[in-house]
Amino acid sequence: MRPLRPFIAVAGVLALALGTACSPARSPEDADRPVRLPAANAVFDYQLGGAYPPPAGVRAVSRDRTAKPAAGRYNVCYVNAFQAQPDAAGFWNAHHPDLVLRDGHGEPVVDEDWNEPLLDISTAAKRTALMDVVGPWIDGCAAAGFDAVEPDNLDSYERSRGRLTARQAAAFAQLLARRAHQQGLAIAQKNTTDLLPRRSGIGFDFAVVEECTRYHECTDFADAYHDRIFVIEYTRKDFTAACRAWGRKLSVTLRDRDVVPAGAEGYVDEHC
């Protein structure tokens, strides 16, 4: 897990309720919906804390699913697919209490760093039921005009107190990838080197990787995705090291830890 992943607010409970290259891992039935992959080393702007006009030279942008895509850029749609946003916990408990992962006392298992209840991906039936909620979010990304989707918290099993497994995460990710491809969206693997060997079976097309320099993961992701990865670093030291090692080959971005919008206090956004 990346301990400094920014908090993204959903656009209220109503949103929850309503809820040109080809990917090599796509299934035959989806072959009529080609997806567009991002270019390697495209300058990337990570706008999860709020949308703003991309700086000059930016070719790719990631924004929350409730925001509009940036005109003229490659747009990645952020979806918190494996955990519930803190302000959406009431929705899940009221409408889908059986899809919230619970401990032996019936209490939600929570990612304490972000106060996010984990979603229960432990069985095929629950994964299918979760897709009835998360699937329409992906559909909404496509309808809004995004090019790709970035499902976050793929590694939630690491915070599940042993109640979830990497295999279950891969199985749910495969459903997400299938839905994305059906909608003509590429799909990014978000962090989680443990699942790199399963990437083809899942259907991931590229990667969004936080702090891969700090965790010595950049080589693994770059090799797996033929340099189609967006690297986000949150410290000057790691950014400098990433630029020195990868700046001519990979897309590397330095952002403030809260990824606040341009003009807000603490805003940092640099590229190499």
C-alpha atoms as a PDB file:
ATOM      1  CA  MET A   1       0.000   0.000   0.000  1.00  0.00           C
ATOM      2  CA  ARG A   2       1.088   3.557  -0.577  1.00  0.00           C
ATOM      3  CA  PRO A   3       0.642   5.247   2.819  1.00  0.00           C
ATOM      4  CA  LEU A   4       0.225   8.676   1.280  1.00  0.00           C
ATOM      5  CA  ARG A   5      -2.487   7.993  -1.281  1.00  0.00           C
ATOM      6  CA  PRO A   6      -4.663  11.124  -1.416  1.00  0.00           C
ATOM      7  CA  PHE A   7      -8.268  11.194  -0.246  1.00  0.00           C
ATOM      8  CA  ILE A   8     -10.791  11.510  -3.068  1.00  0.00           C
ATOM      9  CA  ALA A   9     -14.335  12.573  -2.143  1.00  0.00           C
ATOM     10  CA  VAL A  10     -17.234  11.041  -4.025  1.00  0.00           C
ATOM     11  CA  ALA A  11     -19.980  13.260  -5.349  1.00  0.00           C
ATOM     12  CA  GLY A  12     -22.507  12.161  -2.735  1.00  0.00           C
ATOM     13  CA  VAL A  13     -24.529   9.052  -2.140  1.00  0.00           C
ATOM     14  CA  LEU A  14     -26.667   9.663  -5.222  1.00  0.00           C
ATOM     15  CA  ALA A  15     -23.662   9.116  -7.471  1.00  0.00           C
ATOM     16  CA  LEU A  16     -23.055   5.800  -5.764  1.00  0.00           C
ATOM     17  CA  ALA A  17     -26.624   4.716  -6.131  1.00  0.00           C
ATOM     18  CA  LEU A  18     -26.810   5.586  -9.829  1.00  0.00           C
ATOM     19  CA  GLY A  19     -24.217   4.435 -10.017  1.00  0.00           C
ATOM     20  CA  THR A  20      -5.506   3.605 -30.913  1.00  0.00           C
ATOM     21  CA  ALA A  21      -3.661   0.473 -29.936  1.00  0.00           C
ATOM     22  CA  CYS A  22      -5.316  -2.727 -28.843  1.00  0.00           C
ATOM     23  CA  SER A  23      -4.855  -4.398 -25.496  1.00  0.00           C
ATOM     24  CA  PRO A  24      -3.064  -7.744 -25.872  1.00  0.00           C
ATOM     25  CA  ALA A  25      -5.120  -9.357 -23.108  1.00  0.00           C
ATOM     26  CA  ARG A  26      -8.580  -8.699 -24.500  1.00  0.00           C
ATOM     27  CA  SER A  27     -11.046 -11.525 -25.001  1.00  0.00           C
ATOM     28  CA  PRO A  28     -12.471 -12.361 -28.457  1.00  0.00           C
ATOM     29  CA  GLU A  29     -15.972 -11.209 -27.567  1.00  0.00           C
ATOM     30  CA  ASP A  30     -14.601  -7.712 -26.890  1.00  0.00           C
ATOM     31  CA  ALA A  31     -12.549  -7.496 -30.077  1.00  0.00           C
ATOM     32  CA  ASP A  32     -14.949  -4.979 -31.641  1.00  0.00           C
ATOM     33  CA  ARG A  33     -14.141  -2.412 -28.945  1.00  0.00           C
ATOM     34  CA  PRO A  34     -10.474  -1.469 -29.409  1.00  0.00           C
ATOM     35  CA  VAL A  35      -8.860   0.551 -26.660  1.00  0.00           C
ATOM     36  CA  ARG A  36      -6.331   3.340 -26.932  1.00  0.00           C
ATOM     37  CA  LEU A  37      -3.174   2.906 -24.882  1.00  0.00           C
ATOM     38  CA  PRO A  38      -1.152   5.810 -23.499  1.00  0.00           C
ATOM     39  CA  ALA A  39       2.146   6.632 -25.134  1.00  0.00           C
ATOM     40  CA  ALA A  40       5.307   5.724 -23.253  1.00  0.00           C
ATOM     41  CA  ASN A  41       6.974   8.712 -21.552  1.00  0.00           C
ATOM     42  CA  ALA A  42       3.932  10.968 -21.994  1.00  0.00           C
ATOM     43  CA  VAL A  43       3.998  13.910 -19.577  1.00  0.00           C
ATOM     44  CA  PHE A  44       1.392  13.071 -16.930  1.00  0.00           C
ATOM     45  CA  ASP A  45      -0.611  15.204 -14.500  1.00  0.00           C
ATOM     46  CA  TYR A  46      -2.076  13.509 -11.422  1.00  0.00           C
ATOM     47  CA  GLN A  47      -5.164  15.550 -10.539  1.00  0.00           C
ATOM     48  CA  LEU A  48      -6.932  13.369  -7.978  1.00  0.00           C
ATOM     49  CA  GLY A  49      -7.292  16.177  -5.449  1.00  0.00           C
ATOM     50  CA  GLY A  50      -9.290  18.339  -7.847  1.00  0.00           C
ATOM     51  CA  ALA A  51      -9.387  19.123 -11.555  1.00  0.00           C
ATOM     52  CA  TYR A  52      -7.599  22.159 -13.024  1.00  0.00           C
ATOM     53  CA  PRO A  53      -6.328  23.132 -16.494  1.00  0.00           C
ATOM     54  CA  PRO A  54      -3.325  20.896 -17.271  1.00  0.00           C
ATOM     55  CA  PRO A  55       0.017  22.701 -17.517  1.00  0.00           C
ATOM     56  CA  ALA A  56       1.582  23.210 -20.924  1.00  0.00           C
ATOM     57  CA  GLY A  57       3.156  20.063 -22.310  1.00  0.00           C
ATOM     58  CA  VAL A  58       0.961  17.654 -20.358  1.00  0.00           C
ATOM     59  CA  ARG A  59      -0.330  14.861 -22.584  1.00  0.00           C
ATOM     60  CA  ALA A  60      -2.090  12.615 -20.064  1.00  0.00           C
ATOM     61  CA  VAL A  61      -4.231  13.356 -16.995  1.00  0.00           C
ATOM     62  CA  SER A  62      -5.781  11.266 -14.215  1.00  0.00           C
ATOM     63  CA  ARG A  63      -8.939  12.640 -12.573  1.00  0.00           C
ATOM     64  CA  ASP A  64     -11.604  11.329 -10.251  1.00  0.00           C
ATOM     65  CA  ARG A  65     -14.572   9.673 -11.958  1.00  0.00           C
ATOM     66  CA  THR A  66     -16.831  12.534 -10.845  1.00  0.00           C
ATOM     67  CA  ALA A  67     -14.727  15.067 -12.806  1.00  0.00           C
ATOM     68  CA  LYS A  68     -14.785  15.796 -16.522  1.00  0.00           C
ATOM     69  CA  PRO A  69     -11.931  14.678 -18.789  1.00  0.00           C
ATOM     70  CA  ALA A  70      -9.329  17.235 -19.874  1.00  0.00           C
ATOM     71  CA  ALA A  71      -9.850  18.245 -23.487  1.00  0.00           C
ATOM     72  CA  GLY A  72      -7.195  17.079 -25.916  1.00  0.00           C
ATOM     73  CA  ARG A  73      -5.375  14.814 -23.441  1.00  0.00           C
ATOM     74  CA  TYR A  74      -5.241  11.104 -22.728  1.00  0.00           C
ATOM     75  CA  ASN A  75      -7.641  10.840 -19.777  1.00  0.00           C
ATOM     76  CA  VAL A  76      -7.490   8.257 -17.000  1.00  0.00           C
ATOM     77  CA  CYS A  77     -10.540   7.851 -14.752  1.00  0.00           C
ATOM     78  CA  TYR A  78      -9.852   7.173 -11.058  1.00  0.00           C
ATOM     79  CA  VAL A  79     -12.196   4.658  -9.395  1.00  0.00           C
ATOM     80  CA  ASN A  80     -11.819   3.455  -5.811  1.00  0.00           C
ATOM     81  CA  ALA A  81     -12.864  -0.090  -6.690  1.00  0.00           C
ATOM     82  CA  PHE A  82     -11.646  -2.176  -3.756  1.00  0.00           C
ATOM     83  CA  GLN A  83     -12.490   0.097  -0.810  1.00  0.00           C
ATOM     84  CA  ALA A  84     -15.284   2.493   0.131  1.00  0.00           C
ATOM     85  CA  GLN A  85     -14.696   6.222   0.349  1.00  0.00           C
ATOM     86  CA  PRO A  86     -15.077   7.424   3.962  1.00  0.00           C
ATOM     87  CA  ASP A  87     -18.144   9.537   3.153  1.00  0.00           C
ATOM     88  CA  ALA A  88     -19.742   6.600   1.345  1.00  0.00           C
ATOM     89  CA  ALA A  89     -19.597   4.152   4.259  1.00  0.00           C
ATOM     90  CA  GLY A  90     -23.207   4.949   5.156  1.00  0.00           C
ATOM     91  CA  PHE A  91     -24.351   4.084   1.646  1.00  0.00           C
ATOM     92  CA  TRP A  92     -22.609   0.722   1.676  1.00  0.00           C
ATOM     93  CA  ASN A  93     -23.847  -0.168   5.150  1.00  0.00           C
ATOM     94  CA  ALA A  94     -27.413   0.827   4.294  1.00  0.00           C
ATOM     95  CA  HIS A  95     -27.702  -0.686   0.827  1.00  0.00           C
ATOM     96  CA  HIS A  96     -24.988  -3.348   0.545  1.00  0.00           C
ATOM     97  CA  PRO A  97     -23.949  -4.356   4.078  1.00  0.00           C
ATOM     98  CA  ASP A  98     -23.045  -7.849   2.879  1.00  0.00           C
ATOM     99  CA  LEU A  99     -20.472  -6.405   0.457  1.00  0.00           C
ATOM    100  CA  VAL A 100     -18.445  -4.712   3.204  1.00  0.00           C
ATOM    101  CA  LEU A 101     -15.665  -6.940   4.547  1.00  0.00           C
ATOM    102  CA  ARG A 102     -16.249  -7.710   8.216  1.00  0.00           C
ATOM    103  CA  ASP A 103     -14.199  -9.139  11.060  1.00  0.00           C
ATOM    104  CA  GLY A 104     -15.185 -11.963  13.375  1.00  0.00           C
ATOM    105  CA  HIS A 105     -17.394  -9.598  15.382  1.00  0.00           C
ATOM    106  CA  GLY A 106     -19.292  -8.307  12.360  1.00  0.00           C
ATOM    107  CA  GLU A 107     -17.475  -4.970  12.320  1.00  0.00           C
ATOM    108  CA  PRO A 108     -16.144  -3.517   9.043  1.00  0.00           C
ATOM    109  CA  VAL A 109     -12.480  -4.101   8.300  1.00  0.00           C
ATOM    110  CA  VAL A 110     -11.085  -0.612   7.738  1.00  0.00           C
ATOM    111  CA  ASP A 111      -7.987   0.749   6.049  1.00  0.00           C
ATOM    112  CA  GLU A 112      -7.027   2.877   9.033  1.00  0.00           C
ATOM    113  CA  ASP A 113      -4.658   5.131   7.100  1.00  0.00           C
ATOM    114  CA  TRP A 114      -7.593   6.460   5.081  1.00  0.00           C
ATOM    115  CA  ASN A 115     -10.604   5.388   7.161  1.00  0.00           C
ATOM    116  CA  GLU A 116     -11.902   3.386   4.204  1.00  0.00           C
ATOM    117  CA  PRO A 117     -13.884   0.168   4.767  1.00  0.00           C
ATOM    118  CA  LEU A 118     -12.668  -2.687   2.578  1.00  0.00           C
ATOM    119  CA  LEU A 119     -15.101  -4.220   0.114  1.00  0.00           C
ATOM    120  CA  ASP A 120     -15.646  -7.970   0.309  1.00  0.00           C
ATOM    121  CA  ILE A 121     -14.229  -9.657  -2.800  1.00  0.00           C
ATOM    122  CA  SER A 122     -13.890 -13.049  -1.094  1.00  0.00           C
ATOM    123  CA  THR A 123     -16.363 -15.030  -3.220  1.00  0.00           C
ATOM    124  CA  ALA A 124     -17.438 -15.113  -6.852  1.00  0.00           C
ATOM    125  CA  ALA A 125     -20.986 -14.183  -5.825  1.00  0.00           C
ATOM    126  CA  LYS A 126     -19.813 -11.117  -3.925  1.00  0.00           C
ATOM    127  CA  ARG A 127     -17.511 -10.042  -6.722  1.00  0.00           C
ATOM    128  CA  THR A 128     -20.419 -10.282  -9.145  1.00  0.00           C
ATOM    129  CA  ALA A 129     -22.626  -8.254  -6.801  1.00  0.00           C
ATOM    130  CA  LEU A 130     -19.920  -5.614  -6.418  1.00  0.00           C
ATOM    131  CA  MET A 131     -19.811  -5.252 -10.185  1.00  0.00           C
ATOM    132  CA  ASP A 132     -23.454  -4.166 -10.072  1.00  0.00           C
ATOM    133  CA  VAL A 133     -22.190  -1.073  -8.220  1.00  0.00           C
ATOM    134  CA  VAL A 134     -18.669  -0.548  -9.548  1.00  0.00           C
ATOM    135  CA  GLY A 135     -19.444  -1.580 -13.129  1.00  0.00           C
ATOM    136  CA  PRO A 136     -21.720   1.435 -13.746  1.00  0.00           C
ATOM    137  CA  TRP A 137     -18.933   3.702 -12.478  1.00  0.00           C
ATOM    138  CA  ILE A 138     -16.706   2.330 -15.239  1.00  0.00           C
ATOM    139  CA  ASP A 139     -19.536   2.783 -17.731  1.00  0.00           C
ATOM    140  CA  GLY A 140     -19.789   6.395 -16.554  1.00  0.00           C
ATOM    141  CA  CYS A 141     -16.083   6.937 -17.195  1.00  0.00           C
ATOM    142  CA  ALA A 142     -16.576   5.791 -20.785  1.00  0.00           C
ATOM    143  CA  ALA A 143     -19.718   7.880 -21.261  1.00  0.00           C
ATOM    144  CA  ALA A 144     -17.880  10.959 -19.958  1.00  0.00           C
ATOM    145  CA  GLY A 145     -15.155  10.525 -22.571  1.00  0.00           C
ATOM    146  CA  PHE A 146     -12.259   9.064 -20.596  1.00  0.00           C
ATOM    147  CA  ASP A 147      -9.744   6.856 -22.389  1.00  0.00           C
ATOM    148  CA  ALA A 148      -8.865   4.565 -19.496  1.00  0.00           C
ATOM    149  CA  VAL A 149      -9.738   3.613 -15.947  1.00  0.00           C
ATOM    150  CA  GLU A 150      -7.494   3.386 -12.882  1.00  0.00           C
ATOM    151  CA  PRO A 151      -9.039   1.087 -10.202  1.00  0.00           C
ATOM    152  CA  ASP A 152      -7.414   1.876  -6.867  1.00  0.00           C
ATOM    153  CA  ASN A 153      -6.621  -0.307  -3.855  1.00  0.00           C
ATOM    154  CA  LEU A 154      -5.844  -3.450  -5.772  1.00  0.00           C
ATOM    155  CA  ASP A 155      -3.695  -4.301  -2.755  1.00  0.00           C
ATOM    156  CA  SER A 156      -6.537  -4.095  -0.216  1.00  0.00           C
ATOM    157  CA  TYR A 157      -6.001  -7.774   0.583  1.00  0.00           C
ATOM    158  CA  GLU A 158      -2.791  -6.751   2.337  1.00  0.00           C
ATOM    159  CA  ARG A 159      -4.909  -4.779   4.842  1.00  0.00           C
ATOM    160  CA  SER A 160      -7.654  -7.385   5.228  1.00  0.00           C
ATOM    161  CA  ARG A 161      -6.228  -9.117   8.329  1.00  0.00           C
ATOM    162  CA  GLY A 162      -5.961 -12.314   6.347  1.00  0.00           C
ATOM    163  CA  ARG A 163      -9.572 -12.328   5.120  1.00  0.00           C
ATOM    164  CA  LEU A 164      -8.758 -11.633   1.465  1.00  0.00           C
ATOM    165  CA  THR A 165      -6.133 -13.033  -0.892  1.00  0.00           C
ATOM    166  CA  ALA A 166      -4.180 -11.891  -3.917  1.00  0.00           C
ATOM    167  CA  ARG A 167      -6.039 -14.494  -5.972  1.00  0.00           C
ATOM    168  CA  GLN A 168      -9.375 -12.914  -5.046  1.00  0.00           C
ATOM    169  CA  ALA A 169      -8.047  -9.449  -5.895  1.00  0.00           C
ATOM    170  CA  ALA A 170      -6.923 -10.727  -9.290  1.00  0.00           C
ATOM    171  CA  ALA A 171     -10.335 -12.306  -9.894  1.00  0.00           C
ATOM    172  CA  PHE A 172     -12.143  -9.044  -9.177  1.00  0.00           C
ATOM    173  CA  ALA A 173      -9.630  -7.069 -11.225  1.00  0.00           C
ATOM    174  CA  GLN A 174     -10.351  -9.392 -14.139  1.00  0.00           C
ATOM    175  CA  LEU A 175     -14.045  -8.459 -13.937  1.00  0.00           C
ATOM    176  CA  LEU A 176     -13.096  -4.781 -13.873  1.00  0.00           C
ATOM    177  CA  ALA A 177     -10.819  -5.222 -16.896  1.00  0.00           C
ATOM    178  CA  ARG A 178     -13.514  -7.043 -18.835  1.00  0.00           C
ATOM    179  CA  ARG A 179     -16.028  -4.270 -18.116  1.00  0.00           C
ATOM    180  CA  ALA A 180     -13.507  -1.582 -19.078  1.00  0.00           C
ATOM    181  CA  HIS A 181     -12.684  -3.293 -22.358  1.00  0.00           C
ATOM    182  CA  GLN A 182     -16.344  -3.781 -23.157  1.00  0.00           C
ATOM    183  CA  GLN A 183     -16.686  -0.015 -22.828  1.00  0.00           C
ATOM    184  CA  GLY A 184     -13.628   0.676 -24.980  1.00  0.00           C
ATOM    185  CA  LEU A 185     -11.477   1.757 -22.035  1.00  0.00           C
ATOM    186  CA  ALA A 186      -7.911   0.712 -21.319  1.00  0.00           C
ATOM    187  CA  ILE A 187      -7.256  -0.278 -17.704  1.00  0.00           C
ATOM    188  CA  ALA A 188      -4.266   0.467 -15.486  1.00  0.00           C
ATOM    189  CA  GLN A 189      -2.687  -1.687 -12.839  1.00  0.00           C
ATOM    190  CA  LYS A 190      -2.328   0.512  -9.757  1.00  0.00           C
ATOM    191  CA  ASN A 191       0.846  -0.415  -7.821  1.00  0.00           C
ATOM    192  CA  THR A 192       1.024  -3.984  -6.393  1.00  0.00           C
ATOM    193  CA  THR A 193       4.057  -5.769  -7.831  1.00  0.00           C
ATOM    194  CA  ASP A 194       2.791  -9.054  -6.368  1.00  0.00           C
ATOM    195  CA  LEU A 195       0.177  -9.163  -9.118  1.00  0.00           C
ATOM    196  CA  LEU A 196       2.509  -8.368 -12.013  1.00  0.00           C
ATOM    197  CA  PRO A 197       2.793 -12.072 -12.938  1.00  0.00           C
ATOM    198  CA  ARG A 198      -1.012 -12.186 -13.274  1.00  0.00           C
ATOM    199  CA  ARG A 199      -1.316  -9.031 -15.377  1.00  0.00           C
ATOM    200  CA  SER A 200      -2.013 -10.743 -18.709  1.00  0.00           C
ATOM    201  CA  GLY A 201      -4.649 -13.016 -17.255  1.00  0.00           C
ATOM    202  CA  ILE A 202      -6.306 -10.059 -15.570  1.00  0.00           C
ATOM    203  CA  GLY A 203      -6.189  -7.866 -18.663  1.00  0.00           C
ATOM    204  CA  PHE A 204      -4.237  -4.821 -17.488  1.00  0.00           C
ATOM    205  CA  ASP A 205      -2.947  -2.586 -20.291  1.00  0.00           C
ATOM    206  CA  PHE A 206      -0.558  -0.159 -18.555  1.00  0.00           C
ATOM    207  CA  ALA A 207       0.295   0.951 -15.018  1.00  0.00           C
ATOM    208  CA  VAL A 208      -0.009   3.895 -12.655  1.00  0.00           C
ATOM    209  CA  VAL A 209       2.683   3.518 -10.025  1.00  0.00           C
ATOM    210  CA  GLU A 210       3.212   5.580  -6.903  1.00  0.00           C
ATOM    211  CA  GLU A 211       6.701   5.821  -5.410  1.00  0.00           C
ATOM    212  CA  CYS A 212       8.238   3.025  -7.442  1.00  0.00           C
ATOM    213  CA  THR A 213      11.663   4.602  -6.921  1.00  0.00           C
ATOM    214  CA  ARG A 214      11.338   4.416  -3.147  1.00  0.00           C
ATOM    215  CA  TYR A 215      10.164   0.808  -3.307  1.00  0.00           C
ATOM    216  CA  HIS A 216      12.587  -0.250  -6.076  1.00  0.00           C
ATOM    217  CA  GLU A 217       9.746  -1.303  -8.374  1.00  0.00           C
ATOM    218  CA  CYS A 218      10.222   0.857 -11.480  1.00  0.00           C
ATOM    219  CA  THR A 219      12.193  -1.741 -13.419  1.00  0.00           C
ATOM    220  CA  ASP A 220       9.591  -4.436 -12.789  1.00  0.00           C
ATOM    221  CA  PHE A 221       6.709  -2.262 -13.982  1.00  0.00           C
ATOM    222  CA  ALA A 222       8.626  -0.799 -16.928  1.00  0.00           C
ATOM    223  CA  ASP A 223       9.602  -4.244 -18.171  1.00  0.00           C
ATOM    224  CA  ALA A 224       6.093  -5.631 -17.703  1.00  0.00           C
ATOM    225  CA  TYR A 225       4.334  -2.791 -19.530  1.00  0.00           C
ATOM    226  CA  HIS A 226       6.935  -1.874 -22.157  1.00  0.00           C
ATOM    227  CA  ASP A 227       7.510   1.518 -20.502  1.00  0.00           C
ATOM    228  CA  ARG A 228       3.802   2.422 -20.570  1.00  0.00           C
ATOM    229  CA  ILE A 229       3.738   3.431 -16.917  1.00  0.00           C
ATOM    230  CA  PHE A 230       3.008   6.691 -15.142  1.00  0.00           C
ATOM    231  CA  VAL A 231       5.327   7.168 -12.181  1.00  0.00           C
ATOM    232  CA  ILE A 232       4.293   9.516  -9.366  1.00  0.00           C
ATOM    233  CA  GLU A 233       6.815  10.453  -6.673  1.00  0.00           C
ATOM    234  CA  TYR A 234       6.049  12.523  -3.581  1.00  0.00           C
ATOM    235  CA  THR A 235       9.524  13.551  -2.386  1.00  0.00           C
ATOM    236  CA  ARG A 236      12.204  15.600  -4.096  1.00  0.00           C
ATOM    237  CA  LYS A 237      14.820  12.944  -3.359  1.00  0.00           C
ATOM    238  CA  ASP A 238      12.846  10.165  -5.023  1.00  0.00           C
ATOM    239  CA  PHE A 239      11.847  12.379  -7.950  1.00  0.00           C
ATOM    240  CA  THR A 240      15.466  13.345  -8.589  1.00  0.00           C
ATOM    241  CA  ALA A 241      16.551   9.715  -8.466  1.00  0.00           C
ATOM    242  CA  ALA A 242      13.704   8.681 -10.783  1.00  0.00           C
ATOM    243  CA  CYS A 243      14.564  11.390 -13.293  1.00  0.00           C
ATOM    244  CA  ARG A 244      18.205  10.403 -13.255  1.00  0.00           C
ATOM    245  CA  ALA A 245      17.428   6.744 -13.823  1.00  0.00           C
ATOM    246  CA  TRP A 246      14.259   6.909 -15.922  1.00  0.00           C
ATOM    247  CA  GLY A 247      13.622  10.453 -17.089  1.00  0.00           C
ATOM    248  CA  ARG A 248      14.429   9.763 -20.745  1.00  0.00           C
ATOM    249  CA  LYS A 249      12.360   6.589 -20.847  1.00  0.00           C
ATOM    250  CA  LEU A 250       9.416   6.811 -18.451  1.00  0.00           C
ATOM    251  CA  SER A 251       6.811   9.395 -17.506  1.00  0.00           C
ATOM    252  CA  VAL A 252       7.845  10.718 -14.068  1.00  0.00           C
ATOM    253  CA  THR A 253       5.863  13.268 -12.060  1.00  0.00           C
ATOM    254  CA  LEU A 254       6.521  14.955  -8.719  1.00  0.00           C
ATOM    255  CA  ARG A 255       3.326  15.825  -6.828  1.00  0.00           C
ATOM    256  CA  ASP A 256       2.527  17.075  -3.372  1.00  0.00           C
ATOM    257  CA  ARG A 257       1.274  14.336  -1.088  1.00  0.00           C
ATOM    258  CA  ASP A 258      -2.308  15.635  -1.065  1.00  0.00           C
ATOM    259  CA  VAL A 259      -2.308  16.236  -4.844  1.00  0.00           C
ATOM    260  CA  VAL A 260      -4.087  19.554  -4.317  1.00  0.00           C
ATOM    261  CA  PRO A 261      -5.252  21.595  -7.324  1.00  0.00           C
ATOM    262  CA  ALA A 262      -3.072  24.270  -8.901  1.00  0.00           C
ATOM    263  CA  GLY A 263      -3.222  27.465  -6.879  1.00  0.00           C
ATOM    264  CA  ALA A 264      -3.876  25.703  -3.573  1.00  0.00           C
ATOM    265  CA  GLU A 265      -1.398  25.915  -0.735  1.00  0.00           C
ATOM    266  CA  GLY A 266       1.285  23.227  -0.990  1.00  0.00           C
ATOM    267  CA  TYR A 267       0.744  22.531  -4.692  1.00  0.00           C
ATOM    268  CA  VAL A 268       3.719  20.841  -6.382  1.00  0.00           C
ATOM    269  CA  ASP A 269       3.711  19.521  -9.944  1.00  0.00           C
ATOM    270  CA  GLU A 270       6.946  18.880 -11.837  1.00  0.00           C
ATOM    271  CA  HIS A 271       7.969  16.554 -14.652  1.00  0.00           C
ATOM    272  CA  CYS A 272      11.154  15.236 -16.215  1.00  0.00           C
END
